[in-house]
PDB file of N, CA and C in Angstrom:
ATOM      1  N   UNK A   1      -9.504  -1.823  -7.889  1.00  0.00           N
ATOM      2  CA  UNK A   1      -9.189  -0.374  -7.482  1.00  0.00           C
ATOM      3  C   UNK A   1      -9.455   0.343  -8.466  1.00  0.00           C
ATOM      4  N   UNK A   2     -10.342   1.473  -8.347  1.00  0.00           N
ATOM      5  CA  UNK A   2      -9.996   2.245  -9.322  1.00  0.00           C
ATOM      6  C   UNK A   2      -9.001   3.606  -9.132  1.00  0.00           C
ATOM      7  N   UNK A   3      -8.691   3.879 -10.017  1.00  0.00           N
ATOM      8  CA  UNK A   3      -7.541   5.135 -10.015  1.00  0.00           C
ATOM      9  C   UNK A   3      -8.272   6.155 -10.950  1.00  0.00           C
ATOM     10  N   UNK A   4      -8.194   7.369 -10.603  1.00  0.00           N
ATOM     11  CA  UNK A   4      -8.293   8.278 -10.612  1.00  0.00           C
ATOM     12  C   UNK A   4      -7.393   9.126 -10.972  1.00  0.00           C
ATOM     13  N   UNK A   5      -7.215   9.736 -12.596  1.00  0.00           N
ATOM     14  CA  UNK A   5      -5.764  10.944 -12.715  1.00  0.00           C
ATOM     15  C   UNK A   5      -6.410  12.319 -12.570  1.00  0.00           C
ATOM     16  N   UNK A   6      -5.436  12.712 -12.147  1.00  0.00           N
ATOM     17  CA  UNK A   6      -5.758  14.480 -11.636  1.00  0.00           C
ATOM     18  C   UNK A   6      -4.411  14.812 -12.222  1.00  0.00           C
ATOM     19  N   UNK A   7      -4.562  16.158 -13.149  1.00  0.00           N
ATOM     20  CA  UNK A   7      -3.045  16.785 -13.419  1.00  0.00           C
ATOM     21  C   UNK A   7      -2.833  17.988 -12.578  1.00  0.00           C
ATOM     22  N   UNK A   8      -1.520  17.830 -12.009  1.00  0.00           N
ATOM     23  CA  UNK A   8      -1.043  18.794 -11.702  1.00  0.00           C
ATOM     24  C   UNK A   8      -0.004  19.618 -12.447  1.00  0.00           C
ATOM     25  N   UNK A   9      -0.588  21.182 -12.223  1.00  0.00           N
ATOM     26  CA  UNK A   9       0.531  22.170 -13.103  1.00  0.00           C
ATOM     27  C   UNK A   9       1.685  22.651 -12.002  1.00  0.00           C
ATOM     28  N   UNK A  10       3.056  22.491 -12.363  1.00  0.00           N
ATOM     29  CA  UNK A  10       3.830  22.810 -11.631  1.00  0.00           C
ATOM     30  C   UNK A  10       5.018  23.742 -12.596  1.00  0.00           C
ATOM     31  N   UNK A  11       5.094  25.258 -11.853  1.00  0.00           N
ATOM     32  CA  UNK A  11       5.784  26.257 -12.503  1.00  0.00           C
ATOM     33  C   UNK A  11       7.510  26.028 -12.009  1.00  0.00           C
ATOM     34  N   UNK A  12       8.176  25.828 -13.164  1.00  0.00           N
ATOM     35  CA  UNK A  12       9.708  25.740 -13.082  1.00  0.00           C
ATOM     36  C   UNK A  12       9.982  26.938 -13.802  1.00  0.00           C
ATOM     37  N   UNK A  13      10.847  27.796 -12.911  1.00  0.00           N
ATOM     38  CA  UNK A  13      11.314  29.107 -13.545  1.00  0.00           C
ATOM     39  C   UNK A  13      10.291  29.419 -15.203  1.00  0.00           C
ATOM     40  N   UNK A  14      10.820  29.443 -16.473  1.00  0.00           N
ATOM     41  CA  UNK A  14       9.977  29.802 -17.504  1.00  0.00           C
ATOM     42  C   UNK A  14       9.173  28.624 -18.448  1.00  0.00           C
ATOM     43  N   UNK A  15       9.774  27.243 -17.918  1.00  0.00           N
ATOM     44  CA  UNK A  15       9.138  26.060 -18.094  1.00  0.00           C
ATOM     45  C   UNK A  15       7.964  25.953 -17.109  1.00  0.00           C
ATOM     46  N   UNK A  16       7.111  25.307 -18.226  1.00  0.00           N
ATOM     47  CA  UNK A  16       5.782  24.447 -17.785  1.00  0.00           C
ATOM     48  C   UNK A  16       5.662  23.364 -17.383  1.00  0.00           C
ATOM     49  N   UNK A  17       5.669  22.302 -16.146  1.00  0.00           N
ATOM     50  CA  UNK A  17       5.450  21.178 -16.435  1.00  0.00           C
ATOM     51  C   UNK A  17       4.532  20.129 -15.810  1.00  0.00           C
ATOM     52  N   UNK A  18       3.851  19.271 -16.410  1.00  0.00           N
ATOM     53  CA  UNK A  18       2.611  18.647 -16.005  1.00  0.00           C
ATOM     54  C   UNK A  18       3.207  17.215 -15.199  1.00  0.00           C
ATOM     55  N   UNK A  19       2.501  17.294 -13.439  1.00  0.00           N
ATOM     56  CA  UNK A  19       3.028  15.735 -13.137  1.00  0.00           C
ATOM     57  C   UNK A  19       1.507  15.592 -13.048  1.00  0.00           C
ATOM     58  N   UNK A  20       1.246  14.109 -13.223  1.00  0.00           N
ATOM     59  CA  UNK A  20       0.083  13.200 -12.958  1.00  0.00           C
ATOM     60  C   UNK A  20       0.144  12.629 -11.652  1.00  0.00           C
ATOM     61  N   UNK A  21      -0.717  12.907 -10.884  1.00  0.00           N
ATOM     62  CA  UNK A  21      -1.134  12.111  -9.480  1.00  0.00           C
ATOM     63  C   UNK A  21      -2.128  11.431  -9.448  1.00  0.00           C
ATOM     64  N   UNK A  22      -1.930  10.078  -9.124  1.00  0.00           N
ATOM     65  CA  UNK A  22      -2.820   8.686  -8.914  1.00  0.00           C
ATOM     66  C   UNK A  22      -3.484   9.163  -7.982  1.00  0.00           C
ATOM     67  N   UNK A  23      -4.997   9.182  -7.933  1.00  0.00           N
ATOM     68  CA  UNK A  23      -5.471   9.273  -6.887  1.00  0.00           C
ATOM     69  C   UNK A  23      -6.295   7.924  -6.311  1.00  0.00           C
ATOM     70  N   UNK A  24      -6.411   7.184  -5.377  1.00  0.00           N
ATOM     71  CA  UNK A  24      -6.434   6.234  -5.325  1.00  0.00           C
ATOM     72  C   UNK A  24      -8.149   5.991  -4.826  1.00  0.00           C
ATOM     73  N   UNK A  25      -8.968   4.941  -5.010  1.00  0.00           N
ATOM     74  CA  UNK A  25     -10.372   4.987  -4.976  1.00  0.00           C
ATOM     75  C   UNK A  25     -10.835   3.515  -4.683  1.00  0.00           C
ATOM     76  N   UNK A  26     -12.044   3.406  -3.769  1.00  0.00           N
ATOM     77  CA  UNK A  26     -12.571   2.119  -4.090  1.00  0.00           C
ATOM     78  C   UNK A  26     -13.897   2.188  -3.372  1.00  0.00           C
ATOM     79  N   UNK A  27     -14.699   1.307  -3.774  1.00  0.00           N
ATOM     80  CA  UNK A  27     -15.857   1.559  -3.186  1.00  0.00           C
ATOM     81  C   UNK A  27     -16.550   0.396  -3.074  1.00  0.00           C
ATOM     82  N   UNK A  28     -17.585  -0.277  -1.971  1.00  0.00           N
ATOM     83  CA  UNK A  28     -17.912  -0.901  -1.113  1.00  0.00           C
ATOM     84  C   UNK A  28     -18.822  -1.333  -0.085  1.00  0.00           C
ATOM     85  N   UNK A  29     -19.098  -1.721   0.592  1.00  0.00           N
ATOM     86  CA  UNK A  29     -20.083  -1.750   1.673  1.00  0.00           C
ATOM     87  C   UNK A  29     -19.466  -1.743   3.006  1.00  0.00           C
ATOM     88  N   UNK A  30     -19.767  -1.344   4.109  1.00  0.00           N
ATOM     89  CA  UNK A  30     -19.013  -1.314   5.293  1.00  0.00           C
ATOM     90  C   UNK A  30     -19.673  -2.062   6.161  1.00  0.00           C
ATOM     91  N   UNK A  31     -18.854  -3.513   6.799  1.00  0.00           N
ATOM     92  CA  UNK A  31     -18.672  -4.404   7.445  1.00  0.00           C
ATOM     93  C   UNK A  31     -18.620  -4.194   8.947  1.00  0.00           C
ATOM     94  N   UNK A  32     -17.800  -3.064   9.104  1.00  0.00           N
ATOM     95  CA  UNK A  32     -17.509  -3.183  10.576  1.00  0.00           C
ATOM     96  C   UNK A  32     -16.578  -2.185  10.784  1.00  0.00           C
ATOM     97  N   UNK A  33     -17.026  -0.954  11.836  1.00  0.00           N
ATOM     98  CA  UNK A  33     -16.870   0.226  11.985  1.00  0.00           C
ATOM     99  C   UNK A  33     -15.924  -0.205  13.565  1.00  0.00           C
ATOM    100  N   UNK A  34     -14.476   0.527  13.925  1.00  0.00           N
ATOM    101  CA  UNK A  34     -13.872   0.338  14.879  1.00  0.00           C
ATOM    102  C   UNK A  34     -14.167   1.242  15.558  1.00  0.00           C
ATOM    103  N   UNK A  35     -13.797   1.400  17.090  1.00  0.00           N
ATOM    104  CA  UNK A  35     -13.910   1.736  18.055  1.00  0.00           C
ATOM    105  C   UNK A  35     -12.727   3.372  17.922  1.00  0.00           C
ATOM    106  N   UNK A  36     -13.227   4.424  18.115  1.00  0.00           N
ATOM    107  CA  UNK A  36     -12.519   5.891  18.210  1.00  0.00           C
ATOM    108  C   UNK A  36     -11.737   5.906  19.349  1.00  0.00           C
ATOM    109  N   UNK A  37     -10.063   6.165  18.993  1.00  0.00           N
ATOM    110  CA  UNK A  37      -9.252   6.317  19.588  1.00  0.00           C
ATOM    111  C   UNK A  37      -8.588   7.680  19.593  1.00  0.00           C
ATOM    112  N   UNK A  38      -8.632   8.354  20.580  1.00  0.00           N
ATOM    113  CA  UNK A  38      -8.334  10.010  20.813  1.00  0.00           C
ATOM    114  C   UNK A  38      -7.273  10.439  21.398  1.00  0.00           C
ATOM    115  N   UNK A  39      -6.423  11.154  21.152  1.00  0.00           N
ATOM    116  CA  UNK A  39      -5.268  11.681  21.851  1.00  0.00           C
ATOM    117  C   UNK A  39      -5.996  13.233  21.920  1.00  0.00           C
ATOM    118  N   UNK A  40      -4.364  13.767  22.242  1.00  0.00           N
ATOM    119  CA  UNK A  40      -4.638  15.004  22.763  1.00  0.00           C
ATOM    120  C   UNK A  40      -5.151  16.251  21.542  1.00  0.00           C
ATOM    121  N   UNK A  41      -4.457  15.910  20.234  1.00  0.00           N
ATOM    122  CA  UNK A  41      -4.796  16.801  19.581  1.00  0.00           C
ATOM    123  C   UNK A  41      -5.221  15.916  18.447  1.00  0.00           C
ATOM    124  N   UNK A  42      -5.715  14.627  18.459  1.00  0.00           N
ATOM    125  CA  UNK A  42      -6.236  13.954  17.107  1.00  0.00           C
ATOM    126  C   UNK A  42      -7.061  12.794  17.723  1.00  0.00           C
ATOM    127  N   UNK A  43      -7.959  12.524  16.696  1.00  0.00           N
ATOM    128  CA  UNK A  43      -8.766  11.425  16.503  1.00  0.00           C
ATOM    129  C   UNK A  43      -8.677  10.361  15.626  1.00  0.00           C
ATOM    130  N   UNK A  44      -8.815   8.897  15.635  1.00  0.00           N
ATOM    131  CA  UNK A  44      -8.189   7.945  14.797  1.00  0.00           C
ATOM    132  C   UNK A  44      -9.359   7.278  14.726  1.00  0.00           C
ATOM    133  N   UNK A  45      -9.755   6.189  13.602  1.00  0.00           N
ATOM    134  CA  UNK A  45     -10.777   5.262  13.934  1.00  0.00           C
ATOM    135  C   UNK A  45     -10.627   4.534  12.602  1.00  0.00           C
ATOM    136  N   UNK A  46     -10.879   3.347  12.814  1.00  0.00           N
ATOM    137  CA  UNK A  46     -10.821   2.238  11.411  1.00  0.00           C
ATOM    138  C   UNK A  46     -12.074   1.795  11.179  1.00  0.00           C
ATOM    139  N   UNK A  47     -11.863   0.948  10.100  1.00  0.00           N
ATOM    140  CA  UNK A  47     -13.016   0.445   9.226  1.00  0.00           C
ATOM    141  C   UNK A  47     -12.850  -0.737   8.368  1.00  0.00           C
ATOM    142  N   UNK A  48     -13.809  -1.555   8.128  1.00  0.00           N
ATOM    143  CA  UNK A  48     -13.660  -2.135   6.743  1.00  0.00           C
ATOM    144  C   UNK A  48     -14.748  -2.332   5.819  1.00  0.00           C
ATOM    145  N   UNK A  49     -14.404  -2.336   4.425  1.00  0.00           N
ATOM    146  CA  UNK A  49     -15.522  -2.340   3.715  1.00  0.00           C
ATOM    147  C   UNK A  49     -15.236  -4.126   3.051  1.00  0.00           C
ATOM    148  N   UNK A  50     -16.455  -4.111   2.123  1.00  0.00           N
ATOM    149  CA  UNK A  50     -16.661  -5.402   1.492  1.00  0.00           C
ATOM    150  C   UNK A  50     -16.759  -4.775  -0.213  1.00  0.00           C
ATOM    151  N   UNK A  51     -15.749  -4.935  -0.673  1.00  0.00           N
ATOM    152  CA  UNK A  51     -15.670  -4.255  -2.219  1.00  0.00           C
ATOM    153  C   UNK A  51     -16.967  -5.255  -3.041  1.00  0.00           C
ATOM    154  N   UNK A  52     -17.262  -4.483  -4.269  1.00  0.00           N
ATOM    155  CA  UNK A  52     -17.727  -4.866  -5.305  1.00  0.00           C
ATOM    156  C   UNK A  52     -17.132  -5.068  -6.759  1.00  0.00           C
ATOM    157  N   UNK A  53     -16.688  -6.088  -6.395  1.00  0.00           N
ATOM    158  CA  UNK A  53     -15.588  -6.602  -7.325  1.00  0.00           C
ATOM    159  C   UNK A  53     -16.325  -8.311  -7.807  1.00  0.00           C
ATOM    160  N   UNK A  54     -15.656  -8.947  -8.603  1.00  0.00           N
ATOM    161  CA  UNK A  54     -16.225 -10.081  -9.009  1.00  0.00           C
ATOM    162  C   UNK A  54     -16.115 -10.989  -7.744  1.00  0.00           C
ATOM    163  N   UNK A  55     -14.431 -10.827  -7.322  1.00  0.00           N
ATOM    164  CA  UNK A  55     -14.224 -11.656  -6.013  1.00  0.00           C
ATOM    165  C   UNK A  55     -13.726 -10.470  -5.102  1.00  0.00           C
ATOM    166  N   UNK A  56     -15.027 -10.267  -4.438  1.00  0.00           N
ATOM    167  CA  UNK A  56     -15.027  -9.103  -3.292  1.00  0.00           C
ATOM    168  C   UNK A  56     -14.123  -9.257  -2.643  1.00  0.00           C
ATOM    169  N   UNK A  57     -13.303  -8.373  -1.793  1.00  0.00           N
ATOM    170  CA  UNK A  57     -12.116  -8.555  -0.892  1.00  0.00           C
ATOM    171  C   UNK A  57     -12.546  -7.353   0.539  1.00  0.00           C
ATOM    172  N   UNK A  58     -12.188  -8.100   1.326  1.00  0.00           N
ATOM    173  CA  UNK A  58     -12.334  -6.764   2.394  1.00  0.00           C
ATOM    174  C   UNK A  58     -10.921  -6.038   2.865  1.00  0.00           C
ATOM    175  N   UNK A  59     -11.102  -4.772   2.898  1.00  0.00           N
ATOM    176  CA  UNK A  59      -9.955  -3.794   2.652  1.00  0.00           C
ATOM    177  C   UNK A  59     -10.671  -2.900   3.953  1.00  0.00           C
ATOM    178  N   UNK A  60      -9.318  -2.685   5.074  1.00  0.00           N
ATOM    179  CA  UNK A  60      -9.633  -2.360   6.529  1.00  0.00           C
ATOM    180  C   UNK A  60      -8.769  -0.783   6.251  1.00  0.00           C
ATOM    181  N   UNK A  61      -9.651   0.549   6.659  1.00  0.00           N
ATOM    182  CA  UNK A  61      -8.843   1.846   6.249  1.00  0.00           C
ATOM    183  C   UNK A  61      -8.803   2.360   7.535  1.00  0.00           C
ATOM    184  N   UNK A  62      -8.091   3.314   8.090  1.00  0.00           N
ATOM    185  CA  UNK A  62      -7.696   4.173   8.964  1.00  0.00           C
ATOM    186  C   UNK A  62      -8.171   5.513   8.472  1.00  0.00           C
ATOM    187  N   UNK A  63      -8.923   6.148   9.582  1.00  0.00           N
ATOM    188  CA  UNK A  63      -9.024   7.832   9.450  1.00  0.00           C
ATOM    189  C   UNK A  63      -8.765   8.149  10.402  1.00  0.00           C
ATOM    190  N   UNK A  64      -8.411   9.692  10.428  1.00  0.00           N
ATOM    191  CA  UNK A  64      -7.924  10.782  11.316  1.00  0.00           C
ATOM    192  C   UNK A  64      -8.643  11.988  10.802  1.00  0.00           C
ATOM    193  N   UNK A  65      -8.988  12.603  12.555  1.00  0.00           N
ATOM    194  CA  UNK A  65      -9.566  13.875  12.271  1.00  0.00           C
ATOM    195  C   UNK A  65     -10.627  14.078  11.460  1.00  0.00           C
ATOM    196  N   UNK A  66     -10.551  15.082  10.389  1.00  0.00           N
ATOM    197  CA  UNK A  66     -11.336  14.939   9.627  1.00  0.00           C
ATOM    198  C   UNK A  66     -12.207  14.019   8.835  1.00  0.00           C
ATOM    199  N   UNK A  67     -11.578  12.977   8.409  1.00  0.00           N
ATOM    200  CA  UNK A  67     -12.111  12.029   7.876  1.00  0.00           C
ATOM    201  C   UNK A  67     -12.704  10.934   8.969  1.00  0.00           C
ATOM    202  N   UNK A  68     -12.447  11.252  10.091  1.00  0.00           N
ATOM    203  CA  UNK A  68     -12.777  10.400  11.328  1.00  0.00           C
ATOM    204  C   UNK A  68     -14.324  11.175  11.510  1.00  0.00           C
ATOM    205  N   UNK A  69     -14.700  11.998  11.066  1.00  0.00           N
ATOM    206  CA  UNK A  69     -15.765  12.778  11.609  1.00  0.00           C
ATOM    207  C   UNK A  69     -16.750  12.517  10.208  1.00  0.00           C
ATOM    208  N   UNK A  70     -16.242  12.208   9.029  1.00  0.00           N
ATOM    209  CA  UNK A  70     -17.210  12.065   8.020  1.00  0.00           C
ATOM    210  C   UNK A  70     -17.248  10.535   8.517  1.00  0.00           C
ATOM    211  N   UNK A  71     -16.457   9.728   9.005  1.00  0.00           N
ATOM    212  CA  UNK A  71     -16.865   8.355   9.344  1.00  0.00           C
ATOM    213  C   UNK A  71     -18.155   8.262  10.455  1.00  0.00           C
ATOM    214  N   UNK A  72     -18.145   9.067  11.203  1.00  0.00           N
ATOM    215  CA  UNK A  72     -19.191   9.300  11.820  1.00  0.00           C
ATOM    216  C   UNK A  72     -20.779   9.245  11.495  1.00  0.00           C
ATOM    217  N   UNK A  73     -20.595   9.489  10.093  1.00  0.00           N
ATOM    218  CA  UNK A  73     -22.221   9.762   9.854  1.00  0.00           C
ATOM    219  C   UNK A  73     -22.441   8.382   8.873  1.00  0.00           C
ATOM    220  N   UNK A  74     -21.413   7.377   8.839  1.00  0.00           N
ATOM    221  CA  UNK A  74     -21.563   6.091   8.502  1.00  0.00           C
ATOM    222  C   UNK A  74     -22.209   5.124   9.189  1.00  0.00           C
ATOM    223  N   UNK A  75     -22.718   3.936   8.773  1.00  0.00           N
ATOM    224  CA  UNK A  75     -23.340   2.913   9.534  1.00  0.00           C
ATOM    225  C   UNK A  75     -22.873   1.813   8.842  1.00  0.00           C
ATOM    226  N   UNK A  76     -22.759   0.308   9.606  1.00  0.00           N
ATOM    227  CA  UNK A  76     -22.744  -1.074   9.277  1.00  0.00           C
ATOM    228  C   UNK A  76     -23.927  -0.803   7.672  1.00  0.00           C
ATOM    229  N   UNK A  77     -23.636  -1.739   6.598  1.00  0.00           N
ATOM    230  CA  UNK A  77     -24.348  -1.961   5.465  1.00  0.00           C
ATOM    231  C   UNK A  77     -24.150  -0.600   4.265  1.00  0.00           C
ATOM    232  N   UNK A  78     -24.206   0.565   4.653  1.00  0.00           N
ATOM    233  CA  UNK A  78     -23.756   1.622   4.076  1.00  0.00           C
ATOM    234  C   UNK A  78     -23.179   1.469   2.598  1.00  0.00           C
ATOM    235  N   UNK A  79     -23.338   1.899   1.556  1.00  0.00           N
ATOM    236  CA  UNK A  79     -22.195   1.646   0.536  1.00  0.00           C
ATOM    237  C   UNK A  79     -21.372   3.199   0.568  1.00  0.00           C
ATOM    238  N   UNK A  80     -20.208   3.013   0.345  1.00  0.00           N
ATOM    239  CA  UNK A  80     -19.540   3.922   0.648  1.00  0.00           C
ATOM    240  C   UNK A  80     -18.328   4.183  -0.587  1.00  0.00           C
ATOM    241  N   UNK A  81     -18.290   5.421  -1.233  1.00  0.00           N
ATOM    242  CA  UNK A  81     -17.022   5.911  -2.082  1.00  0.00           C
ATOM    243  C   UNK A  81     -15.441   6.251  -1.075  1.00  0.00           C
ATOM    244  N   UNK A  82     -14.822   5.520  -1.008  1.00  0.00           N
ATOM    245  CA  UNK A  82     -13.571   6.182  -0.581  1.00  0.00           C
ATOM    246  C   UNK A  82     -12.119   6.519  -1.242  1.00  0.00           C
ATOM    247  N   UNK A  83     -11.817   7.597  -1.119  1.00  0.00           N
ATOM    248  CA  UNK A  83     -10.309   7.914  -1.260  1.00  0.00           C
ATOM    249  C   UNK A  83      -9.408   8.152  -0.293  1.00  0.00           C
ATOM    250  N   UNK A  84      -8.293   7.704  -0.949  1.00  0.00           N
ATOM    251  CA  UNK A  84      -7.341   7.028   0.015  1.00  0.00           C
ATOM    252  C   UNK A  84      -5.931   7.199  -0.153  1.00  0.00           C
ATOM    253  N   UNK A  85      -4.896   7.399   0.732  1.00  0.00           N
ATOM    254  CA  UNK A  85      -3.421   6.976   0.747  1.00  0.00           C
ATOM    255  C   UNK A  85      -2.969   5.831   0.673  1.00  0.00           C
ATOM    256  N   UNK A  86      -1.885   5.182   0.409  1.00  0.00           N
ATOM    257  CA  UNK A  86      -1.895   3.895   0.729  1.00  0.00           C
ATOM    258  C   UNK A  86       0.108   4.339   1.145  1.00  0.00           C
ATOM    259  N   UNK A  87       0.201   3.931   2.108  1.00  0.00           N
ATOM    260  CA  UNK A  87       2.430   4.263   2.375  1.00  0.00           C
ATOM    261  C   UNK A  87       2.749   2.877   3.433  1.00  0.00           C
ATOM    262  N   UNK A  88       3.778   2.553   3.075  1.00  0.00           N
ATOM    263  CA  UNK A  88       4.391   1.433   3.986  1.00  0.00           C
ATOM    264  C   UNK A  88       5.684   2.218   4.736  1.00  0.00           C
ATOM    265  N   UNK A  89       6.159   1.021   5.190  1.00  0.00           N
ATOM    266  CA  UNK A  89       7.849   2.161   6.259  1.00  0.00           C
ATOM    267  C   UNK A  89       7.835   0.198   7.175  1.00  0.00           C
ATOM    268  N   UNK A  90       9.173   0.662   7.006  1.00  0.00           N
ATOM    269  CA  UNK A  90       9.982  -0.671   7.363  1.00  0.00           C
ATOM    270  C   UNK A  90      10.558  -0.225   8.743  1.00  0.00           C
ATOM    271  N   UNK A  91      10.485  -1.438   9.408  1.00  0.00           N
ATOM    272  CA  UNK A  91      10.961  -1.161  11.016  1.00  0.00           C
ATOM    273  C   UNK A  91      11.108  -2.661  11.311  1.00  0.00           C
ATOM    274  N   UNK A  92      12.572  -2.898  12.046  1.00  0.00           N
ATOM    275  CA  UNK A  92      13.233  -4.257  12.025  1.00  0.00           C
ATOM    276  C   UNK A  92      12.960  -4.589  11.292  1.00  0.00           C
ATOM    277  N   UNK A  93      13.127  -4.783  10.279  1.00  0.00           N
ATOM    278  CA  UNK A  93      13.107  -5.361   8.907  1.00  0.00           C
ATOM    279  C   UNK A  93      12.213  -6.192   8.311  1.00  0.00           C
ATOM    280  N   UNK A  94      10.892  -5.573   8.805  1.00  0.00           N
ATOM    281  CA  UNK A  94       9.682  -5.683   8.225  1.00  0.00           C
ATOM    282  C   UNK A  94       8.692  -4.753   8.003  1.00  0.00           C
ATOM    283  N   UNK A  95       7.924  -4.653   6.617  1.00  0.00           N
ATOM    284  CA  UNK A  95       7.407  -4.036   6.398  1.00  0.00           C
ATOM    285  C   UNK A  95       5.825  -3.629   6.861  1.00  0.00           C
ATOM    286  N   UNK A  96       5.590  -2.630   7.322  1.00  0.00           N
ATOM    287  CA  UNK A  96       3.922  -2.064   7.706  1.00  0.00           C
ATOM    288  C   UNK A  96       3.521  -1.400   6.167  1.00  0.00           C
ATOM    289  N   UNK A  97       2.463  -1.387   6.190  1.00  0.00           N
ATOM    290  CA  UNK A  97       1.336  -0.939   5.193  1.00  0.00           C
ATOM    291  C   UNK A  97       0.379  -0.534   5.905  1.00  0.00           C
ATOM    292  N   UNK A  98      -0.129   0.872   5.920  1.00  0.00           N
ATOM    293  CA  UNK A  98      -1.204   1.647   6.419  1.00  0.00           C
ATOM    294  C   UNK A  98      -2.043   2.508   4.958  1.00  0.00           C
ATOM    295  N   UNK A  99      -3.366   1.955   4.865  1.00  0.00           N
ATOM    296  CA  UNK A  99      -4.334   2.608   4.175  1.00  0.00           C
ATOM    297  C   UNK A  99      -5.333   3.842   4.824  1.00  0.00           C
ATOM    298  N   UNK A 100      -5.073   5.180   4.518  1.00  0.00           N
ATOM    299  CA  UNK A 100      -5.646   5.952   5.295  1.00  0.00           C
ATOM    300  C   UNK A 100      -6.693   6.950   4.161  1.00  0.00           C
ATOM    301  N   UNK A 101      -8.059   6.554   4.661  1.00  0.00           N
ATOM    302  CA  UNK A 101      -9.020   7.283   3.691  1.00  0.00           C
ATOM    303  C   UNK A 101      -9.101   8.680   4.153  1.00  0.00           C
ATOM    304  N   UNK A 102      -9.204  10.088   3.238  1.00  0.00           N
ATOM    305  CA  UNK A 102      -9.202  10.992   3.483  1.00  0.00           C
ATOM    306  C   UNK A 102     -10.477  11.597   3.194  1.00  0.00           C
ATOM    307  N   UNK A 103     -11.408  10.900   2.212  1.00  0.00           N
ATOM    308  CA  UNK A 103     -12.546  11.415   1.840  1.00  0.00           C
ATOM    309  C   UNK A 103     -13.656  10.229   1.787  1.00  0.00           C
ATOM    310  N   UNK A 104     -14.927  10.183   2.715  1.00  0.00           N
ATOM    311  CA  UNK A 104     -15.541   9.167   2.351  1.00  0.00           C
ATOM    312  C   UNK A 104     -16.950   9.298   2.171  1.00  0.00           C
ATOM    313  N   UNK A 105     -17.560   9.137   0.975  1.00  0.00           N
ATOM    314  CA  UNK A 105     -18.864   9.602   0.336  1.00  0.00           C
ATOM    315  C   UNK A 105     -19.611   8.023   0.386  1.00  0.00           C
ATOM    316  N   UNK A 106     -20.933   8.356   1.154  1.00  0.00           N
ATOM    317  CA  UNK A 106     -22.049   7.580   1.467  1.00  0.00           C
ATOM    318  C   UNK A 106     -22.706   7.968  -0.054  1.00  0.00           C
ATOM    319  N   UNK A 107     -22.954   6.703  -0.450  1.00  0.00           N
ATOM    320  CA  UNK A 107     -23.555   6.123  -1.810  1.00  0.00           C
ATOM    321  C   UNK A 107     -24.895   6.082  -1.668  1.00  0.00           C
ATOM    322  N   UNK A 108     -25.950   7.262  -1.501  1.00  0.00           N
ATOM    323  CA  UNK A 108     -27.377   6.765  -1.054  1.00  0.00           C
ATOM    324  C   UNK A 108     -28.193   5.886  -2.045  1.00  0.00           C
ATOM    325  N   UNK A 109     -27.995   6.337  -3.368  1.00  0.00           N
ATOM    326  CA  UNK A 109     -28.340   5.275  -4.382  1.00  0.00           C
ATOM    327  C   UNK A 109     -28.372   4.268  -4.615  1.00  0.00           C
ATOM    328  N   UNK A 110     -27.364   3.534  -3.356  1.00  0.00           N
ATOM    329  CA  UNK A 110     -26.937   2.088  -3.676  1.00  0.00           C
ATOM    330  C   UNK A 110     -27.102   1.239  -2.030  1.00  0.00           C
ATOM    331  N   UNK A 111     -28.061   0.646  -2.399  1.00  0.00           N
ATOM    332  CA  UNK A 111     -28.106  -0.257  -0.729  1.00  0.00           C
ATOM    333  C   UNK A 111     -28.040  -1.926  -0.911  1.00  0.00           C
TER     334      UNK A 111
END
């Protein structure tokens, strides 16, 4: 996984503090695109990529609204770069993790 560091400046009174935020990114080839599910004010869809590592992994991402629109431009076997957030929550003593893509870029120079 590639991590991109960005710096965010936060002003607190007269002191200036710099906070480093980790942006999570992966690149890979789309191997599966799920069906879109639509609610009254939202749409979501999942997709799976195979990573470009020595030992490739399959990773499933979830998209909502704007990112789902980006996914509609993609097809199976497209090479993509993905920026995403990961979050976990505990429910009934079991942990659930969600990986949500918020930017999908097709790498046209890689096939």
